[in-house]
N, C-alpha and C. Protein backbone atom coordinates (compact mmCIF):
# COMPACT_ATOMS: atom_id res chain seq x y z
N MET A 1 -3.69 10.50 11.21
CA MET A 1 -2.83 9.67 10.40
C MET A 1 -3.15 9.91 8.93
N ARG A 2 -2.12 9.89 8.11
CA ARG A 2 -2.30 9.99 6.67
C ARG A 2 -1.90 8.63 6.08
N ILE A 3 -2.85 8.00 5.39
CA ILE A 3 -2.67 6.64 4.89
C ILE A 3 -3.02 6.58 3.42
N ALA A 4 -2.13 5.98 2.63
CA ALA A 4 -2.39 5.74 1.21
C ALA A 4 -2.91 4.32 1.04
N VAL A 5 -3.80 4.14 0.09
CA VAL A 5 -4.37 2.83 -0.21
C VAL A 5 -4.15 2.56 -1.69
N THR A 6 -3.53 1.40 -2.00
CA THR A 6 -3.38 1.04 -3.42
C THR A 6 -4.77 0.71 -3.96
N SER A 7 -5.14 1.39 -5.06
CA SER A 7 -6.48 1.21 -5.61
C SER A 7 -6.46 1.53 -7.10
N GLN A 8 -6.25 0.52 -7.89
CA GLN A 8 -6.20 0.74 -9.34
C GLN A 8 -7.54 1.23 -9.90
N ASN A 9 -8.65 0.98 -9.19
CA ASN A 9 -9.96 1.42 -9.67
C ASN A 9 -10.54 2.57 -8.85
N PHE A 10 -9.78 3.08 -7.87
CA PHE A 10 -10.22 4.15 -6.97
C PHE A 10 -11.49 3.80 -6.20
N ARG A 11 -11.76 2.50 -6.00
CA ARG A 11 -12.92 2.07 -5.22
C ARG A 11 -12.55 1.03 -4.18
N THR A 12 -11.66 0.11 -4.54
CA THR A 12 -11.33 -1.00 -3.65
C THR A 12 -9.81 -1.08 -3.46
N ILE A 13 -9.42 -1.78 -2.41
CA ILE A 13 -7.99 -2.02 -2.17
C ILE A 13 -7.52 -3.06 -3.17
N THR A 14 -6.45 -2.77 -3.87
CA THR A 14 -5.90 -3.71 -4.84
C THR A 14 -4.49 -4.09 -4.44
N GLY A 15 -3.95 -5.08 -5.12
CA GLY A 15 -2.66 -5.64 -4.73
C GLY A 15 -1.49 -5.18 -5.58
N HIS A 16 -0.41 -5.89 -5.40
CA HIS A 16 0.91 -5.64 -5.97
C HIS A 16 1.27 -4.16 -5.89
N ALA A 17 1.54 -3.75 -4.66
CA ALA A 17 1.79 -2.33 -4.37
C ALA A 17 2.92 -1.74 -5.20
N GLY A 18 3.96 -2.51 -5.47
CA GLY A 18 5.09 -1.99 -6.22
C GLY A 18 4.75 -1.57 -7.62
N LYS A 19 3.76 -2.21 -8.21
CA LYS A 19 3.35 -1.86 -9.58
C LYS A 19 2.14 -0.93 -9.62
N SER A 20 1.57 -0.66 -8.46
CA SER A 20 0.41 0.21 -8.42
C SER A 20 0.79 1.64 -8.78
N ARG A 21 -0.11 2.31 -9.50
CA ARG A 21 0.10 3.71 -9.87
C ARG A 21 -1.03 4.59 -9.39
N ARG A 22 -2.05 3.96 -8.82
CA ARG A 22 -3.20 4.72 -8.33
C ARG A 22 -3.37 4.48 -6.84
N PHE A 23 -3.51 5.58 -6.13
CA PHE A 23 -3.60 5.54 -4.68
C PHE A 23 -4.68 6.50 -4.19
N LEU A 24 -5.46 6.03 -3.23
CA LEU A 24 -6.36 6.91 -2.48
C LEU A 24 -5.57 7.38 -1.27
N ILE A 25 -5.67 8.66 -0.93
CA ILE A 25 -4.99 9.20 0.24
C ILE A 25 -6.08 9.60 1.24
N LEU A 26 -6.03 9.00 2.42
CA LEU A 26 -7.04 9.26 3.44
C LEU A 26 -6.40 9.79 4.71
N GLU A 27 -7.16 10.61 5.42
CA GLU A 27 -6.79 11.09 6.76
C GLU A 27 -7.71 10.38 7.75
N ALA A 28 -7.12 9.94 8.86
CA ALA A 28 -7.91 9.26 9.88
C ALA A 28 -7.40 9.65 11.26
N ASP A 29 -8.35 9.85 12.17
CA ASP A 29 -7.98 10.20 13.54
C ASP A 29 -8.38 9.14 14.56
N GLY A 30 -9.05 8.07 14.11
CA GLY A 30 -9.47 7.01 15.01
C GLY A 30 -10.74 7.33 15.77
N VAL A 31 -11.29 8.52 15.56
CA VAL A 31 -12.52 8.92 16.24
C VAL A 31 -13.65 9.06 15.23
N THR A 32 -13.40 9.84 14.18
CA THR A 32 -14.40 10.02 13.13
C THR A 32 -14.01 9.15 11.92
N ALA A 33 -14.93 9.01 11.00
CA ALA A 33 -14.67 8.19 9.81
C ALA A 33 -13.52 8.79 8.99
N PRO A 34 -12.64 7.95 8.43
CA PRO A 34 -11.57 8.45 7.57
C PRO A 34 -12.14 9.25 6.40
N VAL A 35 -11.37 10.23 5.96
CA VAL A 35 -11.80 11.11 4.87
C VAL A 35 -10.77 11.05 3.74
N GLU A 36 -11.26 10.84 2.53
CA GLU A 36 -10.37 10.89 1.37
C GLU A 36 -9.97 12.34 1.13
N ILE A 37 -8.65 12.59 1.07
CA ILE A 37 -8.18 13.96 0.87
C ILE A 37 -7.49 14.16 -0.48
N ASP A 38 -7.15 13.05 -1.15
CA ASP A 38 -6.44 13.19 -2.43
C ASP A 38 -6.47 11.84 -3.15
N ARG A 39 -6.11 11.89 -4.42
CA ARG A 39 -5.90 10.70 -5.24
C ARG A 39 -4.64 10.90 -6.05
N LEU A 40 -3.87 9.84 -6.18
CA LEU A 40 -2.71 9.87 -7.07
C LEU A 40 -3.00 8.96 -8.25
N ASP A 41 -2.78 9.46 -9.44
CA ASP A 41 -2.90 8.67 -10.67
C ASP A 41 -1.60 8.91 -11.42
N LEU A 42 -0.61 8.09 -11.15
CA LEU A 42 0.75 8.31 -11.64
C LEU A 42 0.98 7.68 -13.01
N PRO A 43 1.88 8.24 -13.81
CA PRO A 43 2.23 7.61 -15.08
C PRO A 43 2.98 6.30 -14.84
N MET A 44 3.02 5.45 -15.86
CA MET A 44 3.61 4.12 -15.73
C MET A 44 5.04 4.14 -15.18
N ASP A 45 5.83 5.12 -15.58
CA ASP A 45 7.22 5.14 -15.14
C ASP A 45 7.38 5.56 -13.68
N LEU A 46 6.26 5.86 -13.00
CA LEU A 46 6.34 6.21 -11.58
C LEU A 46 5.80 5.13 -10.65
N SER A 47 5.61 3.92 -11.16
CA SER A 47 5.34 2.83 -10.22
C SER A 47 6.62 2.64 -9.40
N LEU A 48 6.49 2.31 -8.14
CA LEU A 48 7.68 2.14 -7.30
C LEU A 48 8.55 0.99 -7.78
N HIS A 49 7.95 0.05 -8.50
CA HIS A 49 8.71 -1.06 -9.08
C HIS A 49 9.71 -0.56 -10.12
N ASP A 50 9.31 0.49 -10.86
CA ASP A 50 10.14 1.01 -11.95
C ASP A 50 10.92 2.27 -11.58
N TYR A 51 10.45 3.02 -10.59
CA TYR A 51 11.09 4.28 -10.23
C TYR A 51 11.97 4.07 -8.99
N HIS A 52 13.23 4.45 -9.09
CA HIS A 52 14.15 4.14 -8.01
C HIS A 52 14.67 5.35 -7.24
N GLY A 53 14.17 6.53 -7.53
CA GLY A 53 14.63 7.73 -6.83
C GLY A 53 13.97 7.88 -5.46
N ASP A 54 14.57 8.71 -4.63
CA ASP A 54 14.00 9.00 -3.32
C ASP A 54 13.05 10.18 -3.35
N ASP A 55 12.76 10.70 -4.54
CA ASP A 55 11.86 11.85 -4.69
C ASP A 55 10.50 11.44 -5.27
N HIS A 56 10.10 10.22 -5.01
CA HIS A 56 8.81 9.73 -5.51
C HIS A 56 7.67 10.52 -4.86
N PRO A 57 6.59 10.79 -5.62
CA PRO A 57 5.46 11.56 -5.07
C PRO A 57 4.89 10.99 -3.77
N LEU A 58 4.88 9.67 -3.59
CA LEU A 58 4.38 9.10 -2.33
C LEU A 58 5.20 9.54 -1.13
N PHE A 59 6.50 9.70 -1.34
CA PHE A 59 7.37 10.07 -0.23
C PHE A 59 7.20 11.53 0.19
N GLU A 60 6.58 12.32 -0.66
CA GLU A 60 6.38 13.74 -0.37
C GLU A 60 5.05 14.02 0.35
N LEU A 61 4.24 12.98 0.57
CA LEU A 61 2.92 13.16 1.16
C LEU A 61 2.89 13.05 2.68
N GLN A 62 4.02 12.81 3.29
CA GLN A 62 4.10 12.63 4.74
C GLN A 62 3.15 11.54 5.22
N LEU A 63 3.23 10.38 4.57
CA LEU A 63 2.38 9.25 4.91
C LEU A 63 2.85 8.55 6.18
N ASP A 64 1.89 8.03 6.93
CA ASP A 64 2.20 7.17 8.07
C ASP A 64 2.19 5.71 7.65
N ALA A 65 1.34 5.39 6.65
CA ALA A 65 1.17 3.99 6.27
C ALA A 65 0.63 3.88 4.85
N ILE A 66 0.75 2.67 4.32
CA ILE A 66 0.12 2.28 3.05
C ILE A 66 -0.62 0.98 3.31
N VAL A 67 -1.82 0.86 2.74
CA VAL A 67 -2.62 -0.36 2.81
C VAL A 67 -2.69 -0.94 1.41
N THR A 68 -2.46 -2.23 1.30
CA THR A 68 -2.48 -2.91 0.01
C THR A 68 -2.88 -4.37 0.22
N GLN A 69 -3.27 -5.03 -0.87
CA GLN A 69 -3.56 -6.46 -0.77
C GLN A 69 -2.32 -7.31 -0.98
N GLY A 70 -1.23 -6.70 -1.41
CA GLY A 70 -0.01 -7.48 -1.59
C GLY A 70 1.20 -6.61 -1.83
N ALA A 71 2.31 -6.99 -1.20
CA ALA A 71 3.56 -6.25 -1.36
C ALA A 71 4.73 -7.19 -1.07
N GLY A 72 5.79 -7.02 -1.83
CA GLY A 72 6.99 -7.81 -1.60
C GLY A 72 7.87 -7.20 -0.52
N GLN A 73 8.84 -7.97 -0.06
CA GLN A 73 9.73 -7.49 0.99
C GLN A 73 10.53 -6.26 0.56
N GLY A 74 10.92 -6.17 -0.70
CA GLY A 74 11.65 -5.00 -1.18
C GLY A 74 10.82 -3.74 -1.04
N PHE A 75 9.55 -3.81 -1.38
CA PHE A 75 8.63 -2.68 -1.25
C PHE A 75 8.50 -2.28 0.22
N ILE A 76 8.28 -3.26 1.08
CA ILE A 76 8.11 -3.01 2.51
C ILE A 76 9.36 -2.35 3.09
N GLN A 77 10.52 -2.86 2.74
CA GLN A 77 11.77 -2.29 3.25
C GLN A 77 12.00 -0.88 2.72
N ARG A 78 11.71 -0.67 1.46
CA ARG A 78 11.90 0.66 0.87
C ARG A 78 11.03 1.70 1.54
N LEU A 79 9.76 1.37 1.75
CA LEU A 79 8.88 2.33 2.40
C LEU A 79 9.25 2.53 3.87
N SER A 80 9.72 1.49 4.52
CA SER A 80 10.17 1.60 5.90
C SER A 80 11.30 2.62 6.03
N ARG A 81 12.18 2.66 5.05
CA ARG A 81 13.28 3.63 5.07
C ARG A 81 12.77 5.07 5.01
N HIS A 82 11.53 5.24 4.54
CA HIS A 82 10.92 6.56 4.48
C HIS A 82 9.92 6.77 5.62
N GLY A 83 9.93 5.87 6.60
CA GLY A 83 9.05 6.00 7.76
C GLY A 83 7.61 5.62 7.50
N ILE A 84 7.36 4.86 6.43
CA ILE A 84 6.00 4.47 6.06
C ILE A 84 5.81 2.98 6.34
N ARG A 85 4.82 2.65 7.15
CA ARG A 85 4.53 1.26 7.48
C ARG A 85 3.57 0.68 6.44
N VAL A 86 3.83 -0.54 5.99
CA VAL A 86 2.99 -1.20 5.00
C VAL A 86 2.09 -2.22 5.70
N HIS A 87 0.79 -2.12 5.43
CA HIS A 87 -0.19 -3.07 5.97
C HIS A 87 -0.77 -3.85 4.80
N THR A 88 -0.60 -5.16 4.81
CA THR A 88 -1.21 -6.00 3.77
C THR A 88 -2.46 -6.64 4.35
N THR A 89 -3.47 -6.78 3.50
CA THR A 89 -4.76 -7.28 3.96
C THR A 89 -5.55 -7.90 2.81
N SER A 90 -6.48 -8.75 3.16
CA SER A 90 -7.43 -9.26 2.16
C SER A 90 -8.68 -8.38 2.10
N ALA A 91 -8.76 -7.39 2.97
CA ALA A 91 -9.90 -6.46 2.96
C ALA A 91 -9.97 -5.74 1.62
N THR A 92 -11.16 -5.30 1.25
CA THR A 92 -11.34 -4.60 -0.01
C THR A 92 -11.82 -3.16 0.17
N ASP A 93 -12.40 -2.84 1.32
CA ASP A 93 -12.95 -1.50 1.54
C ASP A 93 -11.89 -0.57 2.12
N PRO A 94 -11.49 0.47 1.37
CA PRO A 94 -10.44 1.37 1.85
C PRO A 94 -10.78 2.08 3.17
N VAL A 95 -12.00 2.58 3.29
CA VAL A 95 -12.38 3.33 4.49
C VAL A 95 -12.37 2.41 5.72
N GLU A 96 -12.92 1.21 5.59
CA GLU A 96 -12.93 0.27 6.72
C GLU A 96 -11.51 -0.11 7.12
N ALA A 97 -10.64 -0.35 6.16
CA ALA A 97 -9.27 -0.75 6.46
C ALA A 97 -8.51 0.38 7.15
N VAL A 98 -8.64 1.59 6.63
CA VAL A 98 -7.96 2.74 7.23
C VAL A 98 -8.50 2.99 8.64
N ASN A 99 -9.80 2.86 8.82
CA ASN A 99 -10.38 3.04 10.15
C ASN A 99 -9.84 1.99 11.12
N ALA A 100 -9.70 0.75 10.67
CA ALA A 100 -9.15 -0.30 11.52
C ALA A 100 -7.73 0.06 11.97
N ILE A 101 -6.92 0.53 11.06
CA ILE A 101 -5.55 0.91 11.41
C ILE A 101 -5.57 2.06 12.41
N ALA A 102 -6.39 3.07 12.16
CA ALA A 102 -6.45 4.25 13.03
C ALA A 102 -6.94 3.93 14.43
N THR A 103 -7.76 2.88 14.54
CA THR A 103 -8.30 2.51 15.85
C THR A 103 -7.55 1.33 16.47
N GLY A 104 -6.48 0.88 15.82
CA GLY A 104 -5.65 -0.18 16.38
C GLY A 104 -6.21 -1.58 16.25
N LYS A 105 -7.15 -1.76 15.34
CA LYS A 105 -7.73 -3.10 15.13
C LYS A 105 -6.94 -3.85 14.06
N ALA A 106 -6.96 -5.17 14.15
CA ALA A 106 -6.25 -6.00 13.18
C ALA A 106 -7.03 -6.04 11.86
N LEU A 107 -6.28 -6.08 10.77
CA LEU A 107 -6.88 -6.23 9.44
C LEU A 107 -6.95 -7.71 9.09
N PRO A 108 -7.90 -8.09 8.22
CA PRO A 108 -7.91 -9.48 7.75
C PRO A 108 -6.58 -9.80 7.05
N VAL A 109 -6.08 -10.99 7.26
CA VAL A 109 -4.78 -11.40 6.72
C VAL A 109 -4.81 -11.43 5.20
N ALA A 110 -3.73 -10.97 4.59
CA ALA A 110 -3.59 -10.97 3.13
C ALA A 110 -3.17 -12.35 2.64
N ALA A 111 -3.50 -12.63 1.39
CA ALA A 111 -2.98 -13.83 0.74
C ALA A 111 -1.48 -13.66 0.55
N PRO A 112 -0.71 -14.76 0.49
CA PRO A 112 0.74 -14.63 0.26
C PRO A 112 1.02 -13.88 -1.03
N HIS A 113 2.06 -13.05 -0.99
CA HIS A 113 2.46 -12.28 -2.17
C HIS A 113 3.25 -13.16 -3.12
N GLU A 114 2.83 -13.19 -4.36
CA GLU A 114 3.57 -13.91 -5.39
C GLU A 114 4.25 -12.89 -6.27
N HIS A 115 5.55 -13.05 -6.44
CA HIS A 115 6.33 -12.09 -7.20
C HIS A 115 6.82 -12.75 -8.47
N ASP A 116 6.41 -12.23 -9.61
CA ASP A 116 6.86 -12.78 -10.90
C ASP A 116 8.31 -12.38 -11.15
N HIS A 117 9.08 -13.38 -11.56
CA HIS A 117 10.47 -13.13 -11.92
C HIS A 117 10.63 -13.35 -13.41
N GLU A 118 11.85 -13.41 -13.87
CA GLU A 118 12.11 -13.62 -15.29
C GLU A 118 11.47 -14.93 -15.74
N PRO A 119 11.10 -15.01 -17.03
CA PRO A 119 10.51 -16.25 -17.54
C PRO A 119 11.43 -17.43 -17.27
N GLY A 120 10.82 -18.54 -16.86
CA GLY A 120 11.60 -19.75 -16.60
C GLY A 120 12.12 -19.84 -15.19
N ARG A 121 12.02 -18.77 -14.41
CA ARG A 121 12.46 -18.80 -13.02
C ARG A 121 11.26 -19.09 -12.13
N PRO A 122 11.46 -19.77 -11.03
CA PRO A 122 10.33 -20.13 -10.16
C PRO A 122 9.73 -18.90 -9.48
N ARG A 123 8.46 -19.02 -9.14
CA ARG A 123 7.79 -17.98 -8.38
C ARG A 123 8.14 -18.14 -6.92
N ILE A 124 8.22 -17.03 -6.23
CA ILE A 124 8.54 -17.05 -4.80
C ILE A 124 7.38 -16.40 -4.04
N SER A 125 6.92 -17.05 -3.00
CA SER A 125 5.89 -16.46 -2.14
C SER A 125 6.58 -15.85 -0.93
N LEU A 126 6.22 -14.61 -0.65
CA LEU A 126 6.81 -13.91 0.49
C LEU A 126 5.70 -13.60 1.49
N SER A 127 5.95 -13.86 2.73
CA SER A 127 5.02 -13.49 3.77
C SER A 127 5.22 -12.03 4.10
N THR A 128 4.14 -11.25 4.11
CA THR A 128 4.26 -9.82 4.37
C THR A 128 3.43 -9.40 5.58
N ASP A 129 3.14 -10.32 6.46
CA ASP A 129 2.37 -9.98 7.64
C ASP A 129 3.15 -9.00 8.49
N THR A 130 2.60 -7.80 8.67
CA THR A 130 3.31 -6.76 9.42
C THR A 130 2.66 -6.49 10.76
N HIS A 131 1.81 -7.40 11.24
CA HIS A 131 1.14 -7.17 12.53
C HIS A 131 1.91 -7.83 13.62
């Protein structure tokens, strides 16, 4: 399996996947420990929140899944159209989370996703449990 992990610091799993520009790319077979094979450090205009084309670099990596601490329904639906499953979790360790997915284990539940809207508009919490 090829799995991307949102990681703004390239060490831990971070949230708000749509605005993330840094990703760890890991390969996992469910038998041996996952291995980091690449890193993406994208410019600001290539966050999925801002980039709307179907030629985004993430879509060219043949990913099976993305792990993040938070994602909105729009992000989840968009990646689903590209065959990429989104896993949200409160876990912080990328290797442990990817290994859990590869071995079919459940991830710790993520906190509800809060999506900022225009000033003066209420915040909406979206449940993104994909298990």
